[in-house]
Amino acid sequence: MLQMVAEFLKPLDVSGDALGLDAVRDVGPGGHYFGTLHTL
């Protein structure tokens, strides 16, 4: 639980890389993200 608290306290990453627009473009409507480079 303490580690969960620590993870919760980490600031949310909203960098361009974290926003994942390239991954969204790659997958498009109706797909999934399991095998994308962004996920892997």
PDB file of all heavy atoms in Angstrom:
ATOM      1  N   MET A   1       0.828  -1.213   0.000  1.00  0.00           N
ATOM      2  CA  MET A   1       0.000   0.000   0.000  1.00  0.00           C
ATOM      3  C   MET A   1       0.859   1.259   0.000  1.00  0.00           C
ATOM      4  O   MET A   1       0.532   2.249  -0.668  1.00  0.00           O
ATOM      5  CB  MET A   1      -0.949  -0.010   1.198  1.00  0.00           C
ATOM      6  CG  MET A   1      -2.064  -1.032   1.074  1.00  0.00           C
ATOM      7  SD  MET A   1      -3.467  -0.721   2.182  1.00  0.00           S
ATOM      8  CE  MET A   1      -2.706  -0.990   3.774  1.00  0.00           C
ATOM      9  N   LEU A   2       1.973   1.243   0.727  1.00  0.00           N
ATOM     10  CA  LEU A   2       2.864   2.400   0.739  1.00  0.00           C
ATOM     11  C   LEU A   2       3.438   2.658  -0.650  1.00  0.00           C
ATOM     12  O   LEU A   2       3.557   3.811  -1.092  1.00  0.00           O
ATOM     13  CB  LEU A   2       4.001   2.198   1.740  1.00  0.00           C
ATOM     14  CG  LEU A   2       3.625   2.087   3.217  1.00  0.00           C
ATOM     15  CD1 LEU A   2       4.874   1.826   4.052  1.00  0.00           C
ATOM     16  CD2 LEU A   2       2.899   3.320   3.720  1.00  0.00           C
ATOM     17  N   GLN A   3       3.800   1.588  -1.339  1.00  0.00           N
ATOM     18  CA  GLN A   3       4.314   1.746  -2.692  1.00  0.00           C
ATOM     19  C   GLN A   3       3.232   2.270  -3.626  1.00  0.00           C
ATOM     20  O   GLN A   3       3.509   3.069  -4.536  1.00  0.00           O
ATOM     21  CB  GLN A   3       4.893   0.425  -3.194  1.00  0.00           C
ATOM     22  CG  GLN A   3       6.165   0.028  -2.466  1.00  0.00           C
ATOM     23  CD  GLN A   3       6.828  -1.237  -2.991  1.00  0.00           C
ATOM     24  OE1 GLN A   3       7.952  -1.551  -2.636  1.00  0.00           O
ATOM     25  NE2 GLN A   3       6.145  -1.973  -3.846  1.00  0.00           N
ATOM     26  N   MET A   4       1.997   1.851  -3.399  1.00  0.00           N
ATOM     27  CA  MET A   4       0.899   2.387  -4.197  1.00  0.00           C
ATOM     28  C   MET A   4       0.722   3.883  -3.943  1.00  0.00           C
ATOM     29  O   MET A   4       0.476   4.657  -4.875  1.00  0.00           O
ATOM     30  CB  MET A   4      -0.392   1.631  -3.894  1.00  0.00           C
ATOM     31  CG  MET A   4      -0.410   0.201  -4.383  1.00  0.00           C
ATOM     32  SD  MET A   4      -1.997  -0.588  -4.007  1.00  0.00           S
ATOM     33  CE  MET A   4      -1.596  -2.308  -4.331  1.00  0.00           C
ATOM     34  N   VAL A   5       0.842   4.290  -2.676  1.00  0.00           N
ATOM     35  CA  VAL A   5       0.779   5.716  -2.350  1.00  0.00           C
ATOM     36  C   VAL A   5       1.882   6.466  -3.085  1.00  0.00           C
ATOM     37  O   VAL A   5       1.653   7.528  -3.683  1.00  0.00           O
ATOM     38  CB  VAL A   5       0.889   5.934  -0.831  1.00  0.00           C
ATOM     39  CG1 VAL A   5       1.142   7.406  -0.498  1.00  0.00           C
ATOM     40  CG2 VAL A   5      -0.372   5.455  -0.118  1.00  0.00           C
ATOM     41  N   ALA A   6       3.094   5.912  -3.048  1.00  0.00           N
ATOM     42  CA  ALA A   6       4.221   6.561  -3.719  1.00  0.00           C
ATOM     43  C   ALA A   6       3.972   6.687  -5.217  1.00  0.00           C
ATOM     44  O   ALA A   6       4.271   7.729  -5.825  1.00  0.00           O
ATOM     45  CB  ALA A   6       5.504   5.783  -3.460  1.00  0.00           C
ATOM     46  N   GLU A   7       3.422   5.638  -5.828  1.00  0.00           N
ATOM     47  CA  GLU A   7       3.127   5.695  -7.259  1.00  0.00           C
ATOM     48  C   GLU A   7       2.042   6.727  -7.545  1.00  0.00           C
ATOM     49  O   GLU A   7       2.105   7.445  -8.543  1.00  0.00           O
ATOM     50  CB  GLU A   7       2.697   4.315  -7.758  1.00  0.00           C
ATOM     51  CG  GLU A   7       3.782   3.255  -7.699  1.00  0.00           C
ATOM     52  CD  GLU A   7       4.887   3.477  -8.722  1.00  0.00           C
ATOM     53  OE1 GLU A   7       4.653   4.209  -9.710  1.00  0.00           O
ATOM     54  OE2 GLU A   7       5.988   2.933  -8.540  1.00  0.00           O
ATOM     55  N   PHE A   8       1.043   6.794  -6.680  1.00  0.00           N
ATOM     56  CA  PHE A   8      -0.022   7.777  -6.857  1.00  0.00           C
ATOM     57  C   PHE A   8       0.507   9.203  -6.777  1.00  0.00           C
ATOM     58  O   PHE A   8       0.035  10.097  -7.485  1.00  0.00           O
ATOM     59  CB  PHE A   8      -1.095   7.555  -5.793  1.00  0.00           C
ATOM     60  CG  PHE A   8      -2.163   8.618  -5.774  1.00  0.00           C
ATOM     61  CD1 PHE A   8      -3.085   8.718  -6.805  1.00  0.00           C
ATOM     62  CD2 PHE A   8      -2.249   9.519  -4.723  1.00  0.00           C
ATOM     63  CE1 PHE A   8      -4.068   9.700  -6.792  1.00  0.00           C
ATOM     64  CE2 PHE A   8      -3.224  10.502  -4.704  1.00  0.00           C
ATOM     65  CZ  PHE A   8      -4.141  10.593  -5.741  1.00  0.00           C
ATOM     66  N   LEU A   9       1.522   9.408  -5.944  1.00  0.00           N
ATOM     67  CA  LEU A   9       2.061  10.753  -5.754  1.00  0.00           C
ATOM     68  C   LEU A   9       2.976  11.195  -6.897  1.00  0.00           C
ATOM     69  O   LEU A   9       3.316  12.370  -6.986  1.00  0.00           O
ATOM     70  CB  LEU A   9       2.832  10.824  -4.432  1.00  0.00           C
ATOM     71  CG  LEU A   9       1.993  10.701  -3.162  1.00  0.00           C
ATOM     72  CD1 LEU A   9       2.882  10.728  -1.925  1.00  0.00           C
ATOM     73  CD2 LEU A   9       0.939  11.801  -3.082  1.00  0.00           C
ATOM     74  N   LYS A  10       3.394  10.266  -7.741  1.00  0.00           N
ATOM     75  CA  LYS A  10       4.240  10.649  -8.881  1.00  0.00           C
ATOM     76  C   LYS A  10       3.449  11.568  -9.813  1.00  0.00           C
ATOM     77  O   LYS A  10       2.320  11.242 -10.190  1.00  0.00           O
ATOM     78  CB  LYS A  10       4.697   9.408  -9.650  1.00  0.00           C
ATOM     79  CG  LYS A  10       5.760   8.589  -8.970  1.00  0.00           C
ATOM     80  CD  LYS A  10       5.988   7.265  -9.669  1.00  0.00           C
ATOM     81  CE  LYS A  10       6.310   7.426 -11.147  1.00  0.00           C
ATOM     82  NZ  LYS A  10       6.600   6.122 -11.795  1.00  0.00           N
ATOM     83  N   PRO A  11       4.011  12.696 -10.188  1.00  0.00           N
ATOM     84  CA  PRO A  11       3.302  13.591 -11.123  1.00  0.00           C
ATOM     85  C   PRO A  11       2.975  12.872 -12.418  1.00  0.00           C
ATOM     86  O   PRO A  11       3.744  12.047 -12.913  1.00  0.00           O
ATOM     87  CB  PRO A  11       4.298  14.729 -11.345  1.00  0.00           C
ATOM     88  CG  PRO A  11       5.202  14.704 -10.142  1.00  0.00           C
ATOM     89  CD  PRO A  11       5.305  13.260  -9.764  1.00  0.00           C
ATOM     90  N   LEU A  12       1.816  13.180 -12.959  1.00  0.00           N
ATOM     91  CA  LEU A  12       1.377  12.562 -14.209  1.00  0.00           C
ATOM     92  C   LEU A  12       2.218  13.093 -15.368  1.00  0.00           C
ATOM     93  O   LEU A  12       2.388  14.294 -15.532  1.00  0.00           O
ATOM     94  CB  LEU A  12      -0.100  12.875 -14.443  1.00  0.00           C
ATOM     95  CG  LEU A  12      -0.807  12.106 -15.550  1.00  0.00           C
ATOM     96  CD1 LEU A  12      -0.816  10.612 -15.249  1.00  0.00           C
ATOM     97  CD2 LEU A  12      -2.228  12.628 -15.719  1.00  0.00           C
ATOM     98  N   ASP A  13       2.772  12.185 -16.150  1.00  0.00           N
ATOM     99  CA  ASP A  13       3.602  12.544 -17.295  1.00  0.00           C
ATOM    100  C   ASP A  13       2.693  12.951 -18.459  1.00  0.00           C
ATOM    101  O   ASP A  13       1.900  12.148 -18.949  1.00  0.00           O
ATOM    102  CB  ASP A  13       4.466  11.343 -17.683  1.00  0.00           C
ATOM    103  CG  ASP A  13       5.391  11.642 -18.865  1.00  0.00           C
ATOM    104  OD1 ASP A  13       5.428  12.804 -19.322  1.00  0.00           O
ATOM    105  OD2 ASP A  13       6.081  10.701 -19.315  1.00  0.00           O
ATOM    106  N   VAL A  14       2.793  14.192 -18.869  1.00  0.00           N
ATOM    107  CA  VAL A  14       1.997  14.656 -20.018  1.00  0.00           C
ATOM    108  C   VAL A  14       2.918  15.174 -21.123  1.00  0.00           C
ATOM    109  O   VAL A  14       2.564  16.086 -21.869  1.00  0.00           O
ATOM    110  CB  VAL A  14       0.975  15.740 -19.595  1.00  0.00           C
ATOM    111  CG1 VAL A  14      -0.109  15.151 -18.721  1.00  0.00           C
ATOM    112  CG2 VAL A  14       1.665  16.906 -18.892  1.00  0.00           C
ATOM    113  N   SER A  15       4.106  14.584 -21.199  1.00  0.00           N
ATOM    114  CA  SER A  15       5.017  14.938 -22.284  1.00  0.00           C
ATOM    115  C   SER A  15       4.421  14.498 -23.611  1.00  0.00           C
ATOM    116  O   SER A  15       3.490  13.678 -23.668  1.00  0.00           O
ATOM    117  CB  SER A  15       6.367  14.258 -22.084  1.00  0.00           C
ATOM    118  OG  SER A  15       6.222  12.848 -22.168  1.00  0.00           O
ATOM    119  N   GLY A  16       4.977  15.028 -24.679  1.00  0.00           N
ATOM    120  CA  GLY A  16       4.488  14.653 -25.996  1.00  0.00           C
ATOM    121  C   GLY A  16       4.544  13.156 -26.226  1.00  0.00           C
ATOM    122  O   GLY A  16       3.628  12.559 -26.815  1.00  0.00           O
ATOM    123  N   ASP A  17       5.614  12.518 -25.754  1.00  0.00           N
ATOM    124  CA  ASP A  17       5.758  11.079 -25.912  1.00  0.00           C
ATOM    125  C   ASP A  17       4.667  10.344 -25.140  1.00  0.00           C
ATOM    126  O   ASP A  17       4.100   9.359 -25.618  1.00  0.00           O
ATOM    127  CB  ASP A  17       7.144  10.661 -25.422  1.00  0.00           C
ATOM    128  CG  ASP A  17       7.554   9.311 -25.983  1.00  0.00           C
ATOM    129  OD1 ASP A  17       7.217   9.026 -27.146  1.00  0.00           O
ATOM    130  OD2 ASP A  17       8.203   8.559 -25.247  1.00  0.00           O
ATOM    131  N   ALA A  18       4.379  10.833 -23.901  1.00  0.00           N
ATOM    132  CA  ALA A  18       3.378  10.171 -23.071  1.00  0.00           C
ATOM    133  C   ALA A  18       1.974  10.340 -23.635  1.00  0.00           C
ATOM    134  O   ALA A  18       1.118   9.463 -23.452  1.00  0.00           O
ATOM    135  CB  ALA A  18       3.450  10.723 -21.651  1.00  0.00           C
ATOM    136  N   LEU A  19       1.714  11.436 -24.297  1.00  0.00           N
ATOM    137  CA  LEU A  19       0.381  11.647 -24.865  1.00  0.00           C
ATOM    138  C   LEU A  19       0.054  10.640 -25.958  1.00  0.00           C
ATOM    139  O   LEU A  19      -1.125  10.385 -26.230  1.00  0.00           O
ATOM    140  CB  LEU A  19       0.264  13.075 -25.411  1.00  0.00           C
ATOM    141  CG  LEU A  19       0.294  14.182 -24.349  1.00  0.00           C
ATOM    142  CD1 LEU A  19       0.285  15.545 -25.016  1.00  0.00           C
ATOM    143  CD2 LEU A  19      -0.864  14.048 -23.389  1.00  0.00           C
ATOM    144  N   GLY A  20       1.058  10.069 -26.584  1.00  0.00           N
ATOM    145  CA  GLY A  20       0.865   8.916 -27.462  1.00  0.00           C
ATOM    146  C   GLY A  20       0.107   9.160 -28.748  1.00  0.00           C
ATOM    147  O   GLY A  20      -0.560   8.245 -29.261  1.00  0.00           O
ATOM    148  N   LEU A  21       0.197  10.341 -29.319  1.00  0.00           N
ATOM    149  CA  LEU A  21      -0.556  10.616 -30.541  1.00  0.00           C
ATOM    150  C   LEU A  21      -0.133   9.720 -31.703  1.00  0.00           C
ATOM    151  O   LEU A  21      -0.966   9.282 -32.515  1.00  0.00           O
ATOM    152  CB  LEU A  21      -0.412  12.090 -30.925  1.00  0.00           C
ATOM    153  CG  LEU A  21      -1.194  13.081 -30.052  1.00  0.00           C
ATOM    154  CD1 LEU A  21      -0.893  14.511 -30.497  1.00  0.00           C
ATOM    155  CD2 LEU A  21      -2.688  12.794 -30.117  1.00  0.00           C
ATOM    156  N   ASP A  22       1.164   9.425 -31.795  1.00  0.00           N
ATOM    157  CA  ASP A  22       1.617   8.549 -32.887  1.00  0.00           C
ATOM    158  C   ASP A  22       0.994   7.159 -32.763  1.00  0.00           C
ATOM    159  O   ASP A  22       0.630   6.540 -33.779  1.00  0.00           O
ATOM    160  CB  ASP A  22       3.142   8.438 -32.885  1.00  0.00           C
ATOM    161  CG  ASP A  22       3.812   9.716 -33.366  1.00  0.00           C
ATOM    162  OD1 ASP A  22       3.120  10.539 -34.014  1.00  0.00           O
ATOM    163  OD2 ASP A  22       5.020   9.897 -33.084  1.00  0.00           O
ATOM    164  N   ALA A  23       0.890   6.666 -31.516  1.00  0.00           N
ATOM    165  CA  ALA A  23       0.271   5.356 -31.314  1.00  0.00           C
ATOM    166  C   ALA A  23      -1.194   5.388 -31.709  1.00  0.00           C
ATOM    167  O   ALA A  23      -1.717   4.439 -32.313  1.00  0.00           O
ATOM    168  CB  ALA A  23       0.428   4.922 -29.854  1.00  0.00           C
ATOM    169  N   VAL A  24      -1.885   6.472 -31.372  1.00  0.00           N
ATOM    170  CA  VAL A  24      -3.298   6.588 -31.741  1.00  0.00           C
ATOM    171  C   VAL A  24      -3.441   6.617 -33.259  1.00  0.00           C
ATOM    172  O   VAL A  24      -4.340   5.984 -33.838  1.00  0.00           O
ATOM    173  CB  VAL A  24      -3.919   7.849 -31.108  1.00  0.00           C
ATOM    174  CG1 VAL A  24      -5.374   8.011 -31.562  1.00  0.00           C
ATOM    175  CG2 VAL A  24      -3.848   7.779 -29.582  1.00  0.00           C
ATOM    176  N   ARG A  25      -2.522   7.313 -33.928  1.00  0.00           N
ATOM    177  CA  ARG A  25      -2.561   7.345 -35.398  1.00  0.00           C
ATOM    178  C   ARG A  25      -2.329   5.949 -35.984  1.00  0.00           C
ATOM    179  O   ARG A  25      -2.981   5.538 -36.952  1.00  0.00           O
ATOM    180  CB  ARG A  25      -1.506   8.313 -35.922  1.00  0.00           C
ATOM    181  CG  ARG A  25      -1.806   9.781 -35.635  1.00  0.00           C
ATOM    182  CD  ARG A  25      -0.805  10.694 -36.352  1.00  0.00           C
ATOM    183  NE  ARG A  25      -1.044  12.100 -36.033  1.00  0.00           N
ATOM    184  CZ  ARG A  25      -0.345  12.796 -35.145  1.00  0.00           C
ATOM    185  NH1 ARG A  25       0.657  12.197 -34.498  1.00  0.00           N
ATOM    186  NH2 ARG A  25      -0.620  14.054 -34.905  1.00  0.00           N
ATOM    187  N   ASP A  26      -1.388   5.221 -35.389  1.00  0.00           N
ATOM    188  CA  ASP A  26      -1.075   3.882 -35.905  1.00  0.00           C
ATOM    189  C   ASP A  26      -2.252   2.927 -35.750  1.00  0.00           C
ATOM    190  O   ASP A  26      -2.533   2.127 -36.645  1.00  0.00           O
ATOM    191  CB  ASP A  26       0.143   3.307 -35.183  1.00  0.00           C
ATOM    192  CG  ASP A  26       1.441   4.021 -35.555  1.00  0.00           C
ATOM    193  OD1 ASP A  26       1.453   4.726 -36.582  1.00  0.00           O
ATOM    194  OD2 ASP A  26       2.431   3.874 -34.802  1.00  0.00           O
ATOM    195  N   VAL A  27      -2.924   2.973 -34.605  1.00  0.00           N
ATOM    196  CA  VAL A  27      -4.000   2.011 -34.325  1.00  0.00           C
ATOM    197  C   VAL A  27      -5.292   2.416 -35.013  1.00  0.00           C
ATOM    198  O   VAL A  27      -5.978   1.584 -35.630  1.00  0.00           O
ATOM    199  CB  VAL A  27      -4.214   1.884 -32.797  1.00  0.00           C
ATOM    200  CG1 VAL A  27      -5.456   1.045 -32.495  1.00  0.00           C
ATOM    201  CG2 VAL A  27      -2.985   1.260 -32.146  1.00  0.00           C
ATOM    202  N   GLY A  28      -5.623   3.699 -34.917  1.00  0.00           N
ATOM    203  CA  GLY A  28      -6.855   4.166 -35.541  1.00  0.00           C
ATOM    204  C   GLY A  28      -8.089   3.612 -34.856  1.00  0.00           C
ATOM    205  O   GLY A  28      -8.013   2.909 -33.841  1.00  0.00           O
ATOM    206  N   PRO A  29      -9.261   3.866 -35.419  1.00  0.00           N
ATOM    207  CA  PRO A  29     -10.505   3.381 -34.820  1.00  0.00           C
ATOM    208  C   PRO A  29     -10.605   1.859 -34.843  1.00  0.00           C
ATOM    209  O   PRO A  29     -10.224   1.215 -35.818  1.00  0.00           O
ATOM    210  CB  PRO A  29     -11.590   4.024 -35.689  1.00  0.00           C
ATOM    211  CG  PRO A  29     -10.923   5.200 -36.348  1.00  0.00           C
ATOM    212  CD  PRO A  29      -9.503   4.773 -36.566  1.00  0.00           C
ATOM    213  N   GLY A  30     -11.073   1.291 -33.739  1.00  0.00           N
ATOM    214  CA  GLY A  30     -11.418  -0.128 -33.699  1.00  0.00           C
ATOM    215  C   GLY A  30     -10.289  -1.095 -33.451  1.00  0.00           C
ATOM    216  O   GLY A  30     -10.515  -2.300 -33.389  1.00  0.00           O
ATOM    217  N   GLY A  31      -9.059  -0.632 -33.322  1.00  0.00           N
ATOM    218  CA  GLY A  31      -7.938  -1.545 -33.104  1.00  0.00           C
ATOM    219  C   GLY A  31      -7.634  -1.740 -31.626  1.00  0.00           C
ATOM    220  O   GLY A  31      -8.465  -1.488 -30.757  1.00  0.00           O
ATOM    221  N   HIS A  32      -6.421  -2.236 -31.326  1.00  0.00           N
ATOM    222  CA  HIS A  32      -5.971  -2.332 -29.935  1.00  0.00           C
ATOM    223  C   HIS A  32      -4.481  -2.006 -29.883  1.00  0.00           C
ATOM    224  O   HIS A  32      -3.782  -2.007 -30.900  1.00  0.00           O
ATOM    225  CB  HIS A  32      -6.267  -3.698 -29.322  1.00  0.00           C
ATOM    226  CG  HIS A  32      -5.489  -4.822 -29.927  1.00  0.00           C
ATOM    227  ND1 HIS A  32      -4.165  -5.032 -29.692  1.00  0.00           N
ATOM    228  CD2 HIS A  32      -5.882  -5.816 -30.778  1.00  0.00           C
ATOM    229  CE1 HIS A  32      -3.744  -6.080 -30.348  1.00  0.00           C
ATOM    230  NE2 HIS A  32      -4.768  -6.581 -31.027  1.00  0.00           N
ATOM    231  N   TYR A  33      -4.005  -1.764 -28.676  1.00  0.00           N
ATOM    232  CA  TYR A  33      -2.652  -1.233 -28.480  1.00  0.00           C
ATOM    233  C   TYR A  33      -1.658  -2.264 -27.947  1.00  0.00           C
ATOM    234  O   TYR A  33      -0.515  -1.923 -27.669  1.00  0.00           O
ATOM    235  CB  TYR A  33      -2.704  -0.032 -27.524  1.00  0.00           C
ATOM    236  CG  TYR A  33      -3.405   1.168 -28.120  1.00  0.00           C
ATOM    237  CD1 TYR A  33      -4.787   1.267 -28.095  1.00  0.00           C
ATOM    238  CD2 TYR A  33      -2.679   2.187 -28.729  1.00  0.00           C
ATOM    239  CE1 TYR A  33      -5.443   2.351 -28.656  1.00  0.00           C
ATOM    240  CE2 TYR A  33      -3.328   3.284 -29.290  1.00  0.00           C
ATOM    241  CZ  TYR A  33      -4.702   3.364 -29.247  1.00  0.00           C
ATOM    242  OH  TYR A  33      -5.339   4.445 -29.798  1.00  0.00           O
ATOM    243  N   PHE A  34      -2.082  -3.528 -27.807  1.00  0.00           N
ATOM    244  CA  PHE A  34      -1.191  -4.514 -27.210  1.00  0.00           C
ATOM    245  C   PHE A  34       0.129  -4.659 -27.967  1.00  0.00           C
ATOM    246  O   PHE A  34       1.182  -4.802 -27.366  1.00  0.00           O
ATOM    247  CB  PHE A  34      -1.890  -5.881 -27.134  1.00  0.00           C
ATOM    248  CG  PHE A  34      -2.859  -6.000 -26.008  1.00  0.00           C
ATOM    249  CD1 PHE A  34      -4.204  -6.243 -26.253  1.00  0.00           C
ATOM    250  CD2 PHE A  34      -2.438  -5.877 -24.695  1.00  0.00           C
ATOM    251  CE1 PHE A  34      -5.109  -6.373 -25.215  1.00  0.00           C
ATOM    252  CE2 PHE A  34      -3.333  -6.002 -23.648  1.00  0.00           C
ATOM    253  CZ  PHE A  34      -4.673  -6.248 -23.907  1.00  0.00           C
ATOM    254  N   GLY A  35       0.081  -4.645 -29.269  1.00  0.00           N
ATOM    255  CA  GLY A  35       1.284  -4.931 -30.049  1.00  0.00           C
ATOM    256  C   GLY A  35       1.982  -3.723 -30.623  1.00  0.00           C
ATOM    257  O   GLY A  35       2.941  -3.883 -31.392  1.00  0.00           O
ATOM    258  N   THR A  36       1.545  -2.524 -30.268  1.00  0.00           N
ATOM    259  CA  THR A  36       2.175  -1.338 -30.842  1.00  0.00           C
ATOM    260  C   THR A  36       3.560  -1.117 -30.247  1.00  0.00           C
ATOM    261  O   THR A  36       3.859  -1.521 -29.117  1.00  0.00           O
ATOM    262  CB  THR A  36       1.328  -0.081 -30.579  1.00  0.00           C
ATOM    263  OG1 THR A  36       1.319   0.186 -29.171  1.00  0.00           O
ATOM    264  CG2 THR A  36      -0.096  -0.256 -31.091  1.00  0.00           C
ATOM    265  N   LEU A  37       4.418  -0.457 -31.021  1.00  0.00           N
ATOM    266  CA  LEU A  37       5.760  -0.143 -30.533  1.00  0.00           C
ATOM    267  C   LEU A  37       5.694   0.701 -29.273  1.00  0.00           C
ATOM    268  O   LEU A  37       6.473   0.489 -28.333  1.00  0.00           O
ATOM    269  CB  LEU A  37       6.535   0.606 -31.630  1.00  0.00           C
ATOM    270  CG  LEU A  37       7.976   1.011 -31.270  1.00  0.00           C
ATOM    271  CD1 LEU A  37       8.828  -0.233 -30.999  1.00  0.00           C
ATOM    272  CD2 LEU A  37       8.586   1.842 -32.407  1.00  0.00           C
ATOM    273  N   HIS A  38       4.751   1.632 -29.221  1.00  0.00           N
ATOM    274  CA  HIS A  38       4.580   2.500 -28.049  1.00  0.00           C
ATOM    275  C   HIS A  38       4.343   1.671 -26.792  1.00  0.00           C
ATOM    276  O   HIS A  38       4.909   1.942 -25.724  1.00  0.00           O
ATOM    277  CB  HIS A  38       3.403   3.455 -28.304  1.00  0.00           C
ATOM    278  CG  HIS A  38       3.256   4.541 -27.289  1.00  0.00           C
ATOM    279  ND1 HIS A  38       2.409   4.439 -26.210  1.00  0.00           N
ATOM    280  CD2 HIS A  38       3.856   5.758 -27.181  1.00  0.00           C
ATOM    281  CE1 HIS A  38       2.464   5.551 -25.491  1.00  0.00           C
ATOM    282  NE2 HIS A  38       3.347   6.362 -26.058  1.00  0.00           N
ATOM    283  N   THR A  39       3.526   0.621 -26.901  1.00  0.00           N
ATOM    284  CA  THR A  39       3.244  -0.256 -25.761  1.00  0.00           C
ATOM    285  C   THR A  39       4.439  -1.150 -25.446  1.00  0.00           C
ATOM    286  O   THR A  39       4.839  -1.297 -24.280  1.00  0.00           O
ATOM    287  CB  THR A  39       2.009  -1.121 -26.052  1.00  0.00           C
ATOM    288  OG1 THR A  39       0.881  -0.271 -26.245  1.00  0.00           O
ATOM    289  CG2 THR A  39       1.725  -2.076 -24.896  1.00  0.00           C
ATOM    290  N   LEU A  40       5.022  -1.762 -26.472  1.00  0.00           N
ATOM    291  CA  LEU A  40       6.107  -2.713 -26.249  1.00  0.00           C
ATOM    292  C   LEU A  40       7.333  -2.057 -25.616  1.00  0.00           C
ATOM    293  O   LEU A  40       8.084  -2.697 -24.883  1.00  0.00           O
ATOM    294  CB  LEU A  40       6.497  -3.375 -27.572  1.00  0.00           C
ATOM    295  CG  LEU A  40       5.422  -4.288 -28.183  1.00  0.00           C
ATOM    296  CD1 LEU A  40       5.845  -4.760 -29.567  1.00  0.00           C
ATOM    297  CD2 LEU A  40       5.154  -5.478 -27.260  1.00  0.00           C
TER     298      LEU A  40
END
